[in-house]
Amino acid sequence: MSVTITPKPTLAHDPRPDLRRKAEELEAAFLSEMLGHTGLGSASGPFGGGIGEQQFASFLRDEQATGMVRSGGIGLAEQFYRSLTKGMDDGL
């Protein structure tokens, strides 16, 4: 199974790229948590499970979630970004 991740286009002029990056990090953290609760990636049998899988599964989920956000995510980052920048044009 191959997965192709296409980065989303960036805006020509983003007034607060630092806030956008933080919003995307927050969406990725949320998605990683949700992936963890689904149980996806849990292998059983002779080649699955054990202490090693438990310790490193979060790294895999974090990378999967980051990839999801890079390819557009579920729209949370945009909502977070709008909330963070709300009122900035008003001089607040």
PDB file of N, CA and C in Angstrom:
ATOM      1  N   MET A   1       0.847  -1.168   0.000  1.00  0.00           N
ATOM      2  CA  MET A   1       0.000   0.000   0.000  1.00  0.00           C
ATOM      3  C   MET A   1       0.893   1.231   0.000  1.00  0.00           C
ATOM      4  N   SER A   2       0.691   2.106  -0.935  1.00  0.00           N
ATOM      5  CA  SER A   2       1.475   3.335  -0.967  1.00  0.00           C
ATOM      6  C   SER A   2       0.558   4.525  -0.752  1.00  0.00           C
ATOM      7  N   VAL A   3       1.082   5.496  -0.047  1.00  0.00           N
ATOM      8  CA  VAL A   3       0.328   6.704   0.254  1.00  0.00           C
ATOM      9  C   VAL A   3       1.105   7.882  -0.289  1.00  0.00           C
ATOM     10  N   THR A   4       0.442   8.694  -1.074  1.00  0.00           N
ATOM     11  CA  THR A   4       1.068   9.885  -1.623  1.00  0.00           C
ATOM     12  C   THR A   4       0.528  11.094  -0.886  1.00  0.00           C
ATOM     13  N   ILE A   5       1.436  11.864  -0.319  1.00  0.00           N
ATOM     14  CA  ILE A   5       1.045  13.071   0.400  1.00  0.00           C
ATOM     15  C   ILE A   5       1.443  14.270  -0.438  1.00  0.00           C
ATOM     16  N   THR A   6       0.457  15.045  -0.825  1.00  0.00           N
ATOM     17  CA  THR A   6       0.694  16.246  -1.609  1.00  0.00           C
ATOM     18  C   THR A   6       0.525  17.450  -0.700  1.00  0.00           C
ATOM     19  N   PRO A   7       1.589  18.241  -0.526  1.00  0.00           N
ATOM     20  CA  PRO A   7       1.448  19.407   0.342  1.00  0.00           C
ATOM     21  C   PRO A   7       0.424  20.388  -0.204  1.00  0.00           C
ATOM     22  N   LYS A   8      -0.310  21.002   0.708  1.00  0.00           N
ATOM     23  CA  LYS A   8      -1.298  21.988   0.281  1.00  0.00           C
ATOM     24  C   LYS A   8      -0.578  23.276  -0.111  1.00  0.00           C
ATOM     25  N   PRO A   9      -1.137  24.031  -1.033  1.00  0.00           N
ATOM     26  CA  PRO A   9      -0.489  25.277  -1.440  1.00  0.00           C
ATOM     27  C   PRO A   9      -0.509  26.295  -0.300  1.00  0.00           C
ATOM     28  N   THR A  10       0.571  27.032  -0.185  1.00  0.00           N
ATOM     29  CA  THR A  10       0.631  28.068   0.848  1.00  0.00           C
ATOM     30  C   THR A  10       0.125  29.384   0.285  1.00  0.00           C
ATOM     31  N   LEU A  11      -0.352  30.225   1.167  1.00  0.00           N
ATOM     32  CA  LEU A  11      -0.829  31.531   0.736  1.00  0.00           C
ATOM     33  C   LEU A  11       0.345  32.398   0.316  1.00  0.00           C
ATOM     34  N   ALA A  12       0.102  33.282  -0.646  1.00  0.00           N
ATOM     35  CA  ALA A  12       1.166  34.165  -1.121  1.00  0.00           C
ATOM     36  C   ALA A  12       1.671  35.056   0.010  1.00  0.00           C
ATOM     37  N   HIS A  13       0.754  35.573   0.800  1.00  0.00           N
ATOM     38  CA  HIS A  13       1.146  36.440   1.909  1.00  0.00           C
ATOM     39  C   HIS A  13       0.344  36.045   3.137  1.00  0.00           C
ATOM     40  N   ASP A  14       0.987  35.353   4.036  1.00  0.00           N
ATOM     41  CA  ASP A  14       0.352  34.952   5.284  1.00  0.00           C
ATOM     42  C   ASP A  14       0.864  35.902   6.356  1.00  0.00           C
ATOM     43  N   PRO A  15       0.000  36.736   6.931  1.00  0.00           N
ATOM     44  CA  PRO A  15       0.466  37.737   7.882  1.00  0.00           C
ATOM     45  C   PRO A  15       1.057  37.139   9.162  1.00  0.00           C
ATOM     46  N   ARG A  16       0.659  35.957   9.538  1.00  0.00           N
ATOM     47  CA  ARG A  16       1.159  35.335  10.765  1.00  0.00           C
ATOM     48  C   ARG A  16       1.497  33.868  10.525  1.00  0.00           C
ATOM     49  N   PRO A  17       2.602  33.573   9.833  1.00  0.00           N
ATOM     50  CA  PRO A  17       2.946  32.170   9.582  1.00  0.00           C
ATOM     51  C   PRO A  17       3.225  31.399  10.868  1.00  0.00           C
ATOM     52  N   ASP A  18       3.666  32.098  11.918  1.00  0.00           N
ATOM     53  CA  ASP A  18       3.914  31.426  13.185  1.00  0.00           C
ATOM     54  C   ASP A  18       2.616  30.900  13.793  1.00  0.00           C
ATOM     55  N   LEU A  19       1.542  31.678  13.695  1.00  0.00           N
ATOM     56  CA  LEU A  19       0.251  31.230  14.219  1.00  0.00           C
ATOM     57  C   LEU A  19      -0.332  30.102  13.377  1.00  0.00           C
ATOM     58  N   ARG A  20      -0.135  30.178  12.059  1.00  0.00           N
ATOM     59  CA  ARG A  20      -0.617  29.095  11.193  1.00  0.00           C
ATOM     60  C   ARG A  20       0.101  27.804  11.539  1.00  0.00           C
ATOM     61  N   ARG A  21       1.396  27.866  11.755  1.00  0.00           N
ATOM     62  CA  ARG A  21       2.179  26.678  12.102  1.00  0.00           C
ATOM     63  C   ARG A  21       1.686  26.082  13.417  1.00  0.00           C
ATOM     64  N   LYS A  22       1.412  26.930  14.407  1.00  0.00           N
ATOM     65  CA  LYS A  22       0.906  26.449  15.695  1.00  0.00           C
ATOM     66  C   LYS A  22      -0.485  25.830  15.543  1.00  0.00           C
ATOM     67  N   ALA A  23      -1.326  26.442  14.712  1.00  0.00           N
ATOM     68  CA  ALA A  23      -2.659  25.893  14.475  1.00  0.00           C
ATOM     69  C   ALA A  23      -2.561  24.513  13.830  1.00  0.00           C
ATOM     70  N   GLU A  24      -1.623  24.341  12.901  1.00  0.00           N
ATOM     71  CA  GLU A  24      -1.432  23.043  12.259  1.00  0.00           C
ATOM     72  C   GLU A  24      -0.876  22.017  13.245  1.00  0.00           C
ATOM     73  N   GLU A  25      -0.003  22.456  14.137  1.00  0.00           N
ATOM     74  CA  GLU A  25       0.515  21.552  15.171  1.00  0.00           C
ATOM     75  C   GLU A  25      -0.603  21.088  16.094  1.00  0.00           C
ATOM     76  N   LEU A  26      -1.511  21.982  16.416  1.00  0.00           N
ATOM     77  CA  LEU A  26      -2.636  21.637  17.279  1.00  0.00           C
ATOM     78  C   LEU A  26      -3.571  20.639  16.589  1.00  0.00           C
ATOM     79  N   GLU A  27      -3.828  20.847  15.308  1.00  0.00           N
ATOM     80  CA  GLU A  27      -4.649  19.888  14.567  1.00  0.00           C
ATOM     81  C   GLU A  27      -3.958  18.533  14.508  1.00  0.00           C
ATOM     82  N   ALA A  28      -2.651  18.514  14.271  1.00  0.00           N
ATOM     83  CA  ALA A  28      -1.915  17.253  14.211  1.00  0.00           C
ATOM     84  C   ALA A  28      -1.961  16.525  15.557  1.00  0.00           C
ATOM     85  N   ALA A  29      -1.850  17.259  16.658  1.00  0.00           N
ATOM     86  CA  ALA A  29      -1.929  16.644  17.985  1.00  0.00           C
ATOM     87  C   ALA A  29      -3.307  16.026  18.204  1.00  0.00           C
ATOM     88  N   PHE A  30      -4.349  16.738  17.783  1.00  0.00           N
ATOM     89  CA  PHE A  30      -5.703  16.219  17.908  1.00  0.00           C
ATOM     90  C   PHE A  30      -5.872  14.940  17.088  1.00  0.00           C
ATOM     91  N   LEU A  31      -5.425  14.980  15.834  1.00  0.00           N
ATOM     92  CA  LEU A  31      -5.562  13.809  14.966  1.00  0.00           C
ATOM     93  C   LEU A  31      -4.757  12.622  15.505  1.00  0.00           C
ATOM     94  N   SER A  32      -3.581  12.875  16.029  1.00  0.00           N
ATOM     95  CA  SER A  32      -2.765  11.811  16.604  1.00  0.00           C
ATOM     96  C   SER A  32      -3.482  11.145  17.768  1.00  0.00           C
ATOM     97  N   GLU A  33      -4.098  11.949  18.621  1.00  0.00           N
ATOM     98  CA  GLU A  33      -4.873  11.412  19.756  1.00  0.00           C
ATOM     99  C   GLU A  33      -6.026  10.566  19.250  1.00  0.00           C
ATOM    100  N   MET A  34      -6.729  11.051  18.234  1.00  0.00           N
ATOM    101  CA  MET A  34      -7.868  10.299  17.701  1.00  0.00           C
ATOM    102  C   MET A  34      -7.414   8.996  17.055  1.00  0.00           C
ATOM    103  N   LEU A  35      -6.290   9.020  16.343  1.00  0.00           N
ATOM    104  CA  LEU A  35      -5.758   7.797  15.755  1.00  0.00           C
ATOM    105  C   LEU A  35      -5.400   6.786  16.840  1.00  0.00           C
ATOM    106  N   GLY A  36      -4.880   7.272  17.951  1.00  0.00           N
ATOM    107  CA  GLY A  36      -4.527   6.386  19.053  1.00  0.00           C
ATOM    108  C   GLY A  36      -5.736   5.684  19.639  1.00  0.00           C
ATOM    109  N   HIS A  37      -6.860   6.382  19.676  1.00  0.00           N
ATOM    110  CA  HIS A  37      -8.072   5.788  20.243  1.00  0.00           C
ATOM    111  C   HIS A  37      -8.771   4.825  19.293  1.00  0.00           C
ATOM    112  N   THR A  38      -8.442   4.881  18.007  1.00  0.00           N
ATOM    113  CA  THR A  38      -9.075   3.970  17.054  1.00  0.00           C
ATOM    114  C   THR A  38      -8.483   2.574  17.126  1.00  0.00           C
ATOM    115  N   GLY A  39      -7.235   2.477  17.600  1.00  0.00           N
ATOM    116  CA  GLY A  39      -6.583   1.171  17.657  1.00  0.00           C
ATOM    117  C   GLY A  39      -5.958   0.765  16.334  1.00  0.00           C
ATOM    118  N   LEU A  40      -5.972   1.653  15.359  1.00  0.00           N
ATOM    119  CA  LEU A  40      -5.333   1.333  14.083  1.00  0.00           C
ATOM    120  C   LEU A  40      -3.841   1.129  14.280  1.00  0.00           C
ATOM    121  N   GLY A  41      -3.299   0.193  13.559  1.00  0.00           N
ATOM    122  CA  GLY A  41      -1.867  -0.050  13.643  1.00  0.00           C
ATOM    123  C   GLY A  41      -1.482  -1.036  14.721  1.00  0.00           C
ATOM    124  N   SER A  42      -2.422  -1.477  15.526  1.00  0.00           N
ATOM    125  CA  SER A  42      -2.116  -2.467  16.551  1.00  0.00           C
ATOM    126  C   SER A  42      -2.043  -3.827  15.880  1.00  0.00           C
ATOM    127  N   ALA A  43      -0.881  -4.408  15.926  1.00  0.00           N
ATOM    128  CA  ALA A  43      -0.673  -5.714  15.298  1.00  0.00           C
ATOM    129  C   ALA A  43      -0.709  -6.804  16.359  1.00  0.00           C
ATOM    130  N   SER A  44      -1.241  -7.935  15.969  1.00  0.00           N
ATOM    131  CA  SER A  44      -1.228  -9.077  16.874  1.00  0.00           C
ATOM    132  C   SER A  44      -0.552 -10.240  16.169  1.00  0.00           C
ATOM    133  N   GLY A  45      -0.249 -11.250  16.915  1.00  0.00           N
ATOM    134  CA  GLY A  45       0.420 -12.392  16.332  1.00  0.00           C
ATOM    135  C   GLY A  45       1.896 -12.381  16.660  1.00  0.00           C
ATOM    136  N   PRO A  46       2.675 -13.231  15.985  1.00  0.00           N
ATOM    137  CA  PRO A  46       4.090 -13.369  16.333  1.00  0.00           C
ATOM    138  C   PRO A  46       4.946 -12.136  16.041  1.00  0.00           C
ATOM    139  N   PHE A  47       4.509 -11.268  15.123  1.00  0.00           N
ATOM    140  CA  PHE A  47       5.310 -10.094  14.775  1.00  0.00           C
ATOM    141  C   PHE A  47       4.704  -8.790  15.260  1.00  0.00           C
ATOM    142  N   GLY A  48       3.774  -8.850  16.157  1.00  0.00           N
ATOM    143  CA  GLY A  48       3.134  -7.631  16.634  1.00  0.00           C
ATOM    144  C   GLY A  48       3.043  -7.610  18.138  1.00  0.00           C
ATOM    145  N   GLY A  49       2.813  -6.429  18.647  1.00  0.00           N
ATOM    146  CA  GLY A  49       2.631  -6.270  20.081  1.00  0.00           C
ATOM    147  C   GLY A  49       3.955  -6.125  20.810  1.00  0.00           C
ATOM    148  N   GLY A  50       3.882  -6.183  22.100  1.00  0.00           N
ATOM    149  CA  GLY A  50       5.081  -6.099  22.910  1.00  0.00           C
ATOM    150  C   GLY A  50       5.408  -4.680  23.320  1.00  0.00           C
ATOM    151  N   ILE A  51       6.400  -4.583  24.178  1.00  0.00           N
ATOM    152  CA  ILE A  51       6.787  -3.299  24.745  1.00  0.00           C
ATOM    153  C   ILE A  51       7.324  -2.335  23.680  1.00  0.00           C
ATOM    154  N   GLY A  52       8.045  -2.842  22.705  1.00  0.00           N
ATOM    155  CA  GLY A  52       8.606  -1.978  21.669  1.00  0.00           C
ATOM    156  C   GLY A  52       7.542  -1.290  20.850  1.00  0.00           C
ATOM    157  N   GLU A  53       6.516  -2.047  20.488  1.00  0.00           N
ATOM    158  CA  GLU A  53       5.437  -1.463  19.696  1.00  0.00           C
ATOM    159  C   GLU A  53       4.700  -0.405  20.505  1.00  0.00           C
ATOM    160  N   GLN A  54       4.455  -0.686  21.756  1.00  0.00           N
ATOM    161  CA  GLN A  54       3.754   0.266  22.609  1.00  0.00           C
ATOM    162  C   GLN A  54       4.539   1.563  22.753  1.00  0.00           C
ATOM    163  N   GLN A  55       5.853   1.464  22.860  1.00  0.00           N
ATOM    164  CA  GLN A  55       6.664   2.658  23.079  1.00  0.00           C
ATOM    165  C   GLN A  55       6.818   3.509  21.821  1.00  0.00           C
ATOM    166  N   PHE A  56       6.806   2.885  20.655  1.00  0.00           N
ATOM    167  CA  PHE A  56       7.056   3.629  19.427  1.00  0.00           C
ATOM    168  C   PHE A  56       5.808   3.904  18.596  1.00  0.00           C
ATOM    169  N   ALA A  57       4.674   3.377  18.993  1.00  0.00           N
ATOM    170  CA  ALA A  57       3.439   3.582  18.236  1.00  0.00           C
ATOM    171  C   ALA A  57       3.061   5.060  18.180  1.00  0.00           C
ATOM    172  N   SER A  58       3.334   5.806  19.246  1.00  0.00           N
ATOM    173  CA  SER A  58       2.967   7.227  19.250  1.00  0.00           C
ATOM    174  C   SER A  58       3.753   8.014  18.208  1.00  0.00           C
ATOM    175  N   PHE A  59       5.003   7.617  17.957  1.00  0.00           N
ATOM    176  CA  PHE A  59       5.797   8.308  16.932  1.00  0.00           C
ATOM    177  C   PHE A  59       5.166   8.116  15.553  1.00  0.00           C
ATOM    178  N   LEU A  60       4.723   6.900  15.280  1.00  0.00           N
ATOM    179  CA  LEU A  60       4.080   6.614  13.999  1.00  0.00           C
ATOM    180  C   LEU A  60       2.784   7.405  13.872  1.00  0.00           C
ATOM    181  N   ARG A  61       1.965   7.410  14.920  1.00  0.00           N
ATOM    182  CA  ARG A  61       0.712   8.175  14.882  1.00  0.00           C
ATOM    183  C   ARG A  61       0.979   9.662  14.683  1.00  0.00           C
ATOM    184  N   ASP A  62       1.997  10.198  15.351  1.00  0.00           N
ATOM    185  CA  ASP A  62       2.325  11.619  15.196  1.00  0.00           C
ATOM    186  C   ASP A  62       2.689  11.942  13.751  1.00  0.00           C
ATOM    187  N   GLU A  63       3.480  11.092  13.134  1.00  0.00           N
ATOM    188  CA  GLU A  63       3.872  11.326  11.739  1.00  0.00           C
ATOM    189  C   GLU A  63       2.693  11.165  10.790  1.00  0.00           C
ATOM    190  N   GLN A  64       1.833  10.184  11.054  1.00  0.00           N
ATOM    191  CA  GLN A  64       0.646  10.021  10.222  1.00  0.00           C
ATOM    192  C   GLN A  64      -0.249  11.257  10.332  1.00  0.00           C
ATOM    193  N   ALA A  65      -0.431  11.747  11.536  1.00  0.00           N
ATOM    194  CA  ALA A  65      -1.274  12.935  11.751  1.00  0.00           C
ATOM    195  C   ALA A  65      -0.667  14.158  11.083  1.00  0.00           C
ATOM    196  N   THR A  66       0.644  14.319  11.183  1.00  0.00           N
ATOM    197  CA  THR A  66       1.317  15.450  10.533  1.00  0.00           C
ATOM    198  C   THR A  66       1.136  15.372   9.018  1.00  0.00           C
ATOM    199  N   GLY A  67       1.247  14.179   8.465  1.00  0.00           N
ATOM    200  CA  GLY A  67       1.019  13.988   7.032  1.00  0.00           C
ATOM    201  C   GLY A  67      -0.403  14.333   6.627  1.00  0.00           C
ATOM    202  N   MET A  68      -1.347  13.979   7.479  1.00  0.00           N
ATOM    203  CA  MET A  68      -2.751  14.309   7.196  1.00  0.00           C
ATOM    204  C   MET A  68      -2.942  15.825   7.158  1.00  0.00           C
ATOM    205  N   VAL A  69      -2.328  16.521   8.104  1.00  0.00           N
ATOM    206  CA  VAL A  69      -2.464  17.983   8.147  1.00  0.00           C
ATOM    207  C   VAL A  69      -1.805  18.615   6.927  1.00  0.00           C
ATOM    208  N   ARG A  70      -0.636  18.112   6.534  1.00  0.00           N
ATOM    209  CA  ARG A  70       0.066  18.658   5.355  1.00  0.00           C
ATOM    210  C   ARG A  70      -0.753  18.495   4.086  1.00  0.00           C
ATOM    211  N   SER A  71      -1.568  17.431   4.032  1.00  0.00           N
ATOM    212  CA  SER A  71      -2.372  17.246   2.827  1.00  0.00           C
ATOM    213  C   SER A  71      -3.765  17.838   2.924  1.00  0.00           C
ATOM    214  N   GLY A  72      -3.975  18.704   3.893  1.00  0.00           N
ATOM    215  CA  GLY A  72      -5.248  19.411   3.973  1.00  0.00           C
ATOM    216  C   GLY A  72      -5.974  19.201   5.278  1.00  0.00           C
ATOM    217  N   GLY A  73      -5.686  18.113   5.963  1.00  0.00           N
ATOM    218  CA  GLY A  73      -6.299  17.867   7.258  1.00  0.00           C
ATOM    219  C   GLY A  73      -7.806  17.791   7.202  1.00  0.00           C
ATOM    220  N   ILE A  74      -8.432  18.106   8.327  1.00  0.00           N
ATOM    221  CA  ILE A  74      -9.887  18.060   8.410  1.00  0.00           C
ATOM    222  C   ILE A  74     -10.479  19.455   8.613  1.00  0.00           C
ATOM    223  N   GLY A  75      -9.657  20.472   8.473  1.00  0.00           N
ATOM    224  CA  GLY A  75     -10.134  21.842   8.566  1.00  0.00           C
ATOM    225  C   GLY A  75      -9.998  22.484   9.933  1.00  0.00           C
ATOM    226  N   LEU A  76      -9.525  21.743  10.921  1.00  0.00           N
ATOM    227  CA  LEU A  76      -9.376  22.323  12.251  1.00  0.00           C
ATOM    228  C   LEU A  76      -8.321  23.412  12.293  1.00  0.00           C
ATOM    229  N   ALA A  77      -7.202  23.205  11.598  1.00  0.00           N
ATOM    230  CA  ALA A  77      -6.117  24.189  11.635  1.00  0.00           C
ATOM    231  C   ALA A  77      -6.599  25.546  11.141  1.00  0.00           C
ATOM    232  N   GLU A  78      -7.400  25.541  10.096  1.00  0.00           N
ATOM    233  CA  GLU A  78      -7.913  26.804   9.566  1.00  0.00           C
ATOM    234  C   GLU A  78      -8.816  27.493  10.589  1.00  0.00           C
ATOM    235  N   GLN A  79      -9.653  26.713  11.258  1.00  0.00           N
ATOM    236  CA  GLN A  79     -10.529  27.284  12.287  1.00  0.00           C
ATOM    237  C   GLN A  79      -9.715  27.822  13.463  1.00  0.00           C
ATOM    238  N   PHE A  80      -8.694  27.059  13.876  1.00  0.00           N
ATOM    239  CA  PHE A  80      -7.821  27.517  14.958  1.00  0.00           C
ATOM    240  C   PHE A  80      -7.116  28.808  14.562  1.00  0.00           C
ATOM    241  N   TYR A  81      -6.612  28.840  13.326  1.00  0.00           N
ATOM    242  CA  TYR A  81      -5.898  30.019  12.834  1.00  0.00           C
ATOM    243  C   TYR A  81      -6.808  31.242  12.816  1.00  0.00           C
ATOM    244  N   ARG A  82      -8.031  31.062  12.331  1.00  0.00           N
ATOM    245  CA  ARG A  82      -8.980  32.182  12.304  1.00  0.00           C
ATOM    246  C   ARG A  82      -9.280  32.684  13.713  1.00  0.00           C
ATOM    247  N   SER A  83      -9.415  31.766  14.647  1.00  0.00           N
ATOM    248  CA  SER A  83      -9.670  32.172  16.040  1.00  0.00           C
ATOM    249  C   SER A  83      -8.486  32.922  16.623  1.00  0.00           C
ATOM    250  N   LEU A  84      -7.270  32.451  16.312  1.00  0.00           N
ATOM    251  CA  LEU A  84      -6.077  33.093  16.835  1.00  0.00           C
ATOM    252  C   LEU A  84      -5.865  34.487  16.254  1.00  0.00           C
ATOM    253  N   THR A  85      -6.253  34.680  15.009  1.00  0.00           N
ATOM    254  CA  THR A  85      -6.018  35.968  14.344  1.00  0.00           C
ATOM    255  C   THR A  85      -7.236  36.881  14.399  1.00  0.00           C
ATOM    256  N   LYS A  86      -8.325  36.407  14.954  1.00  0.00           N
ATOM    257  CA  LYS A  86      -9.539  37.231  15.032  1.00  0.00           C
ATOM    258  C   LYS A  86      -9.265  38.503  15.821  1.00  0.00           C
ATOM    259  N   GLY A  87      -9.638  39.611  15.261  1.00  0.00           N
ATOM    260  CA  GLY A  87      -9.430  40.882  15.927  1.00  0.00           C
ATOM    261  C   GLY A  87      -8.081  41.521  15.676  1.00  0.00           C
ATOM    262  N   MET A  88      -7.179  40.834  14.981  1.00  0.00           N
ATOM    263  CA  MET A  88      -5.852  41.411  14.721  1.00  0.00           C
ATOM    264  C   MET A  88      -5.941  42.594  13.768  1.00  0.00           C
ATOM    265  N   ASP A  89      -6.903  42.552  12.858  1.00  0.00           N
ATOM    266  CA  ASP A  89      -7.061  43.679  11.939  1.00  0.00           C
ATOM    267  C   ASP A  89      -7.641  44.895  12.627  1.00  0.00           C
ATOM    268  N   ASP A  90      -8.236  44.680  13.794  1.00  0.00           N
ATOM    269  CA  ASP A  90      -8.851  45.772  14.538  1.00  0.00           C
ATOM    270  C   ASP A  90      -7.838  46.461  15.465  1.00  0.00           C
ATOM    271  N   GLY A  91      -6.588  46.049  15.381  1.00  0.00           N
ATOM    272  CA  GLY A  91      -5.575  46.659  16.215  1.00  0.00           C
ATOM    273  C   GLY A  91      -5.457  46.041  17.601  1.00  0.00           C
ATOM    274  N   LEU A  92      -6.062  44.861  17.768  1.00  0.00           N
ATOM    275  CA  LEU A  92      -5.988  44.179  19.059  1.00  0.00           C
ATOM    276  C   LEU A  92      -4.773  43.306  19.140  1.00  0.00           C
TER     277      LEU A  92
END
